[in-house]
């Protein structure tokens, strides 16, 4: 159901949301569940994320001025 490459990339990205006190297995599972949720919503989520973050940063910068 999930593209393996996208799930691997997404899991790595979502590791920023895990608690460091959790076991490595729990951290991995938690991050993977977040990635799966994003990929259920948008199959290309992690392919477009870098560009989307750049656009959001540019908009935020303009809003501050």
PDB file of N, CA and C in Angstrom:
ATOM      1  N   UNK A   1       0.817  -1.198   0.000  1.00  0.00           N
ATOM      2  CA  UNK A   1       0.000   0.000   0.000  1.00  0.00           C
ATOM      3  C   UNK A   1       0.863   1.265   0.000  1.00  0.00           C
ATOM      4  N   UNK A   2       1.992   1.212   0.670  1.00  0.00           N
ATOM      5  CA  UNK A   2       2.871   2.374   0.728  1.00  0.00           C
ATOM      6  C   UNK A   2       4.093   2.137  -0.150  1.00  0.00           C
ATOM      7  N   UNK A   3       4.532   3.185  -0.810  1.00  0.00           N
ATOM      8  CA  UNK A   3       5.783   3.113  -1.549  1.00  0.00           C
ATOM      9  C   UNK A   3       6.908   2.959  -0.523  1.00  0.00           C
ATOM     10  N   UNK A   4       7.705   1.916  -0.675  1.00  0.00           N
ATOM     11  CA  UNK A   4       8.748   1.629   0.333  1.00  0.00           C
ATOM     12  C   UNK A   4       9.728   2.785   0.512  1.00  0.00           C
ATOM     13  N   UNK A   5      10.138   3.375  -0.583  1.00  0.00           N
ATOM     14  CA  UNK A   5      11.093   4.481  -0.500  1.00  0.00           C
ATOM     15  C   UNK A   5      10.476   5.666   0.239  1.00  0.00           C
ATOM     16  N   UNK A   6       9.228   6.001  -0.093  1.00  0.00           N
ATOM     17  CA  UNK A   6       8.557   7.110   0.576  1.00  0.00           C
ATOM     18  C   UNK A   6       8.365   6.823   2.061  1.00  0.00           C
ATOM     19  N   UNK A   7       8.035   5.583   2.394  1.00  0.00           N
ATOM     20  CA  UNK A   7       7.849   5.226   3.798  1.00  0.00           C
ATOM     21  C   UNK A   7       9.172   5.308   4.559  1.00  0.00           C
ATOM     22  N   UNK A   8      10.249   4.865   3.950  1.00  0.00           N
ATOM     23  CA  UNK A   8      11.574   4.936   4.588  1.00  0.00           C
ATOM     24  C   UNK A   8      11.978   6.397   4.812  1.00  0.00           C
ATOM     25  N   UNK A   9      11.808   7.223   3.792  1.00  0.00           N
ATOM     26  CA  UNK A   9      12.142   8.648   3.906  1.00  0.00           C
ATOM     27  C   UNK A   9      11.256   9.299   4.974  1.00  0.00           C
ATOM     28  N   UNK A  10       9.974   9.022   4.909  1.00  0.00           N
ATOM     29  CA  UNK A  10       9.030   9.613   5.856  1.00  0.00           C
ATOM     30  C   UNK A  10       9.317   9.216   7.289  1.00  0.00           C
ATOM     31  N   UNK A  11       9.635   7.956   7.499  1.00  0.00           N
ATOM     32  CA  UNK A  11       9.944   7.488   8.853  1.00  0.00           C
ATOM     33  C   UNK A  11      11.165   8.221   9.395  1.00  0.00           C
ATOM     34  N   UNK A  12      12.175   8.391   8.565  1.00  0.00           N
ATOM     35  CA  UNK A  12      13.377   9.109   9.004  1.00  0.00           C
ATOM     36  C   UNK A  12      13.051  10.554   9.353  1.00  0.00           C
ATOM     37  N   UNK A  13      12.240  11.197   8.547  1.00  0.00           N
ATOM     38  CA  UNK A  13      11.864  12.594   8.800  1.00  0.00           C
ATOM     39  C   UNK A  13      11.049  12.709  10.082  1.00  0.00           C
ATOM     40  N   UNK A  14      10.121  11.803  10.277  1.00  0.00           N
ATOM     41  CA  UNK A  14       9.223  11.886  11.431  1.00  0.00           C
ATOM     42  C   UNK A  14       9.882  11.490  12.744  1.00  0.00           C
ATOM     43  N   UNK A  15      11.105  11.007  12.709  1.00  0.00           N
ATOM     44  CA  UNK A  15      11.828  10.683  13.945  1.00  0.00           C
ATOM     45  C   UNK A  15      12.001  11.926  14.819  1.00  0.00           C
ATOM     46  N   UNK A  16      11.843  13.107  14.243  1.00  0.00           N
ATOM     47  CA  UNK A  16      11.959  14.334  15.042  1.00  0.00           C
ATOM     48  C   UNK A  16      10.849  14.439  16.084  1.00  0.00           C
ATOM     49  N   UNK A  17       9.789  13.652  15.939  1.00  0.00           N
ATOM     50  CA  UNK A  17       8.648  13.730  16.851  1.00  0.00           C
ATOM     51  C   UNK A  17       8.676  12.687  17.969  1.00  0.00           C
ATOM     52  N   UNK A  18       9.658  11.808  17.970  1.00  0.00           N
ATOM     53  CA  UNK A  18       9.688  10.745  18.982  1.00  0.00           C
ATOM     54  C   UNK A  18      10.347  11.240  20.265  1.00  0.00           C
ATOM     55  N   UNK A  19      10.031  10.568  21.341  1.00  0.00           N
ATOM     56  CA  UNK A  19      10.667  10.883  22.617  1.00  0.00           C
ATOM     57  C   UNK A  19      11.931  10.048  22.743  1.00  0.00           C
ATOM     58  N   UNK A  20      12.994  10.679  23.083  1.00  0.00           N
ATOM     59  CA  UNK A  20      14.284   9.989  23.160  1.00  0.00           C
ATOM     60  C   UNK A  20      14.334   8.972  24.292  1.00  0.00           C
ATOM     61  N   UNK A  21      13.392   9.048  25.211  1.00  0.00           N
ATOM     62  CA  UNK A  21      13.361   8.094  26.315  1.00  0.00           C
ATOM     63  C   UNK A  21      12.693   6.777  25.912  1.00  0.00           C
ATOM     64  N   UNK A  22      12.026   6.757  24.759  1.00  0.00           N
ATOM     65  CA  UNK A  22      11.390   5.536  24.287  1.00  0.00           C
ATOM     66  C   UNK A  22      12.436   4.563  23.778  1.00  0.00           C
ATOM     67  N   UNK A  23      12.055   3.301  23.694  1.00  0.00           N
ATOM     68  CA  UNK A  23      12.952   2.314  23.091  1.00  0.00           C
ATOM     69  C   UNK A  23      13.089   2.614  21.602  1.00  0.00           C
ATOM     70  N   UNK A  24      14.175   2.151  21.016  1.00  0.00           N
ATOM     71  CA  UNK A  24      14.406   2.382  19.584  1.00  0.00           C
ATOM     72  C   UNK A  24      13.265   1.796  18.756  1.00  0.00           C
ATOM     73  N   UNK A  25      12.770   0.649  19.160  1.00  0.00           N
ATOM     74  CA  UNK A  25      11.667   0.013  18.433  1.00  0.00           C
ATOM     75  C   UNK A  25      10.406   0.868  18.497  1.00  0.00           C
ATOM     76  N   UNK A  26      10.108   1.406  19.673  1.00  0.00           N
ATOM     77  CA  UNK A  26       8.924   2.257  19.832  1.00  0.00           C
ATOM     78  C   UNK A  26       9.097   3.543  19.023  1.00  0.00           C
ATOM     79  N   UNK A  27      10.283   4.126  19.058  1.00  0.00           N
ATOM     80  CA  UNK A  27      10.547   5.333  18.270  1.00  0.00           C
ATOM     81  C   UNK A  27      10.287   5.076  16.791  1.00  0.00           C
ATOM     82  N   UNK A  28      10.823   3.978  16.294  1.00  0.00           N
ATOM     83  CA  UNK A  28      10.683   3.615  14.878  1.00  0.00           C
ATOM     84  C   UNK A  28       9.209   3.419  14.510  1.00  0.00           C
ATOM     85  N   UNK A  29       8.500   2.687  15.338  1.00  0.00           N
ATOM     86  CA  UNK A  29       7.086   2.406  15.066  1.00  0.00           C
ATOM     87  C   UNK A  29       6.257   3.689  15.086  1.00  0.00           C
ATOM     88  N   UNK A  30       6.521   4.555  16.054  1.00  0.00           N
ATOM     89  CA  UNK A  30       5.787   5.814  16.170  1.00  0.00           C
ATOM     90  C   UNK A  30       6.020   6.681  14.930  1.00  0.00           C
ATOM     91  N   UNK A  31       7.287   6.842  14.552  1.00  0.00           N
ATOM     92  CA  UNK A  31       7.626   7.652  13.378  1.00  0.00           C
ATOM     93  C   UNK A  31       7.017   7.051  12.112  1.00  0.00           C
ATOM     94  N   UNK A  32       7.045   5.735  12.009  1.00  0.00           N
ATOM     95  CA  UNK A  32       6.478   5.075  10.832  1.00  0.00           C
ATOM     96  C   UNK A  32       4.960   5.280  10.776  1.00  0.00           C
ATOM     97  N   UNK A  33       4.297   5.268  11.910  1.00  0.00           N
ATOM     98  CA  UNK A  33       2.849   5.505  11.925  1.00  0.00           C
ATOM     99  C   UNK A  33       2.515   6.922  11.468  1.00  0.00           C
ATOM    100  N   UNK A  34       3.316   7.890  11.860  1.00  0.00           N
ATOM    101  CA  UNK A  34       3.105   9.257  11.387  1.00  0.00           C
ATOM    102  C   UNK A  34       3.292   9.309   9.877  1.00  0.00           C
ATOM    103  N   UNK A  35       4.364   8.704   9.393  1.00  0.00           N
ATOM    104  CA  UNK A  35       4.638   8.687   7.954  1.00  0.00           C
ATOM    105  C   UNK A  35       3.493   8.020   7.195  1.00  0.00           C
ATOM    106  N   UNK A  36       2.998   6.914   7.703  1.00  0.00           N
ATOM    107  CA  UNK A  36       1.890   6.217   7.043  1.00  0.00           C
ATOM    108  C   UNK A  36       0.644   7.100   6.980  1.00  0.00           C
ATOM    109  N   UNK A  37       0.380   7.832   8.051  1.00  0.00           N
ATOM    110  CA  UNK A  37      -0.789   8.722   8.063  1.00  0.00           C
ATOM    111  C   UNK A  37      -0.659   9.787   6.972  1.00  0.00           C
ATOM    112  N   UNK A  38       0.525  10.376   6.850  1.00  0.00           N
ATOM    113  CA  UNK A  38       0.744  11.371   5.796  1.00  0.00           C
ATOM    114  C   UNK A  38       0.606  10.740   4.414  1.00  0.00           C
ATOM    115  N   UNK A  39       1.152   9.554   4.241  1.00  0.00           N
ATOM    116  CA  UNK A  39       1.115   8.894   2.932  1.00  0.00           C
ATOM    117  C   UNK A  39      -0.289   8.405   2.570  1.00  0.00           C
ATOM    118  N   UNK A  40      -1.126   8.119   3.563  1.00  0.00           N
ATOM    119  CA  UNK A  40      -2.524   7.777   3.267  1.00  0.00           C
ATOM    120  C   UNK A  40      -3.246   8.986   2.703  1.00  0.00           C
ATOM    121  N   UNK A  41      -2.903  10.148   3.229  1.00  0.00           N
ATOM    122  CA  UNK A  41      -3.550  11.384   2.785  1.00  0.00           C
ATOM    123  C   UNK A  41      -3.025  11.818   1.418  1.00  0.00           C
ATOM    124  N   UNK A  42      -1.709  11.791   1.247  1.00  0.00           N
ATOM    125  CA  UNK A  42      -1.061  12.196  -0.005  1.00  0.00           C
ATOM    126  C   UNK A  42       0.053  11.213  -0.316  1.00  0.00           C
ATOM    127  N   UNK A  43      -0.074  10.459  -1.371  1.00  0.00           N
ATOM    128  CA  UNK A  43       0.919   9.446  -1.717  1.00  0.00           C
ATOM    129  C   UNK A  43       2.290  10.053  -2.013  1.00  0.00           C
ATOM    130  N   UNK A  44       2.331  11.315  -2.406  1.00  0.00           N
ATOM    131  CA  UNK A  44       3.600  11.970  -2.756  1.00  0.00           C
ATOM    132  C   UNK A  44       4.087  12.912  -1.656  1.00  0.00           C
ATOM    133  N   UNK A  45       3.571  12.763  -0.451  1.00  0.00           N
ATOM    134  CA  UNK A  45       3.840  13.703   0.641  1.00  0.00           C
ATOM    135  C   UNK A  45       5.323  14.016   0.804  1.00  0.00           C
ATOM    136  N   UNK A  46       6.144  13.002   0.870  1.00  0.00           N
ATOM    137  CA  UNK A  46       7.567  13.230   1.140  1.00  0.00           C
ATOM    138  C   UNK A  46       8.346  13.629  -0.104  1.00  0.00           C
ATOM    139  N   UNK A  47       7.738  13.499  -1.272  1.00  0.00           N
ATOM    140  CA  UNK A  47       8.379  13.976  -2.497  1.00  0.00           C
ATOM    141  C   UNK A  47       8.224  15.489  -2.612  1.00  0.00           C
ATOM    142  N   UNK A  48       7.101  16.017  -2.144  1.00  0.00           N
ATOM    143  CA  UNK A  48       6.842  17.451  -2.280  1.00  0.00           C
ATOM    144  C   UNK A  48       7.166  18.236  -1.015  1.00  0.00           C
ATOM    145  N   UNK A  49       7.404  17.555   0.087  1.00  0.00           N
ATOM    146  CA  UNK A  49       7.647  18.233   1.359  1.00  0.00           C
ATOM    147  C   UNK A  49       8.784  19.253   1.316  1.00  0.00           C
ATOM    148  N   UNK A  50       9.947  18.919   0.758  1.00  0.00           N
ATOM    149  CA  UNK A  50      11.027  19.917   0.747  1.00  0.00           C
ATOM    150  C   UNK A  50      10.645  21.222   0.043  1.00  0.00           C
ATOM    151  N   UNK A  51       9.988  21.109  -1.089  1.00  0.00           N
ATOM    152  CA  UNK A  51       9.562  22.312  -1.818  1.00  0.00           C
ATOM    153  C   UNK A  51       8.499  23.079  -1.056  1.00  0.00           C
ATOM    154  N   UNK A  52       7.586  22.357  -0.419  1.00  0.00           N
ATOM    155  CA  UNK A  52       6.525  23.003   0.352  1.00  0.00           C
ATOM    156  C   UNK A  52       7.110  23.769   1.532  1.00  0.00           C
ATOM    157  N   UNK A  53       8.111  23.184   2.199  1.00  0.00           N
ATOM    158  CA  UNK A  53       8.738  23.866   3.337  1.00  0.00           C
ATOM    159  C   UNK A  53       9.438  25.141   2.885  1.00  0.00           C
ATOM    160  N   UNK A  54      10.071  25.109   1.725  1.00  0.00           N
ATOM    161  CA  UNK A  54      10.736  26.313   1.201  1.00  0.00           C
ATOM    162  C   UNK A  54       9.711  27.397   0.890  1.00  0.00           C
ATOM    163  N   UNK A  55       8.596  27.012   0.283  1.00  0.00           N
ATOM    164  CA  UNK A  55       7.552  27.999  -0.033  1.00  0.00           C
ATOM    165  C   UNK A  55       6.960  28.589   1.239  1.00  0.00           C
ATOM    166  N   UNK A  56       6.720  27.751   2.254  1.00  0.00           N
ATOM    167  CA  UNK A  56       6.173  28.257   3.509  1.00  0.00           C
ATOM    168  C   UNK A  56       7.147  29.215   4.193  1.00  0.00           C
ATOM    169  N   UNK A  57       8.428  28.901   4.168  1.00  0.00           N
ATOM    170  CA  UNK A  57       9.431  29.780   4.782  1.00  0.00           C
ATOM    171  C   UNK A  57       9.458  31.125   4.079  1.00  0.00           C
ATOM    172  N   UNK A  58       9.353  31.120   2.762  1.00  0.00           N
ATOM    173  CA  UNK A  58       9.360  32.371   2.001  1.00  0.00           C
ATOM    174  C   UNK A  58       8.119  33.201   2.326  1.00  0.00           C
ATOM    175  N   UNK A  59       6.988  32.569   2.440  1.00  0.00           N
ATOM    176  CA  UNK A  59       5.742  33.279   2.791  1.00  0.00           C
ATOM    177  C   UNK A  59       5.852  33.849   4.192  1.00  0.00           C
ATOM    178  N   UNK A  60       6.330  33.043   5.144  1.00  0.00           N
ATOM    179  CA  UNK A  60       6.501  33.532   6.511  1.00  0.00           C
ATOM    180  C   UNK A  60       7.426  34.729   6.570  1.00  0.00           C
ATOM    181  N   UNK A  61       8.490  34.691   5.810  1.00  0.00           N
ATOM    182  CA  UNK A  61       9.451  35.798   5.789  1.00  0.00           C
ATOM    183  C   UNK A  61       8.776  37.075   5.285  1.00  0.00           C
ATOM    184  N   UNK A  62       7.988  36.942   4.246  1.00  0.00           N
ATOM    185  CA  UNK A  62       7.274  38.121   3.715  1.00  0.00           C
ATOM    186  C   UNK A  62       6.247  38.641   4.711  1.00  0.00           C
ATOM    187  N   UNK A  63       5.641  37.752   5.473  1.00  0.00           N
ATOM    188  CA  UNK A  63       4.610  38.165   6.435  1.00  0.00           C
ATOM    189  C   UNK A  63       5.194  38.933   7.603  1.00  0.00           C
ATOM    190  N   UNK A  64       6.472  38.705   7.904  1.00  0.00           N
ATOM    191  CA  UNK A  64       7.122  39.399   9.028  1.00  0.00           C
ATOM    192  C   UNK A  64       7.430  40.856   8.711  1.00  0.00           C
ATOM    193  N   UNK A  65       7.472  41.187   7.438  1.00  0.00           N
ATOM    194  CA  UNK A  65       7.832  42.561   7.041  1.00  0.00           C
ATOM    195  C   UNK A  65       6.628  43.421   6.863  1.00  0.00           C
TER     196      UNK A  65
END
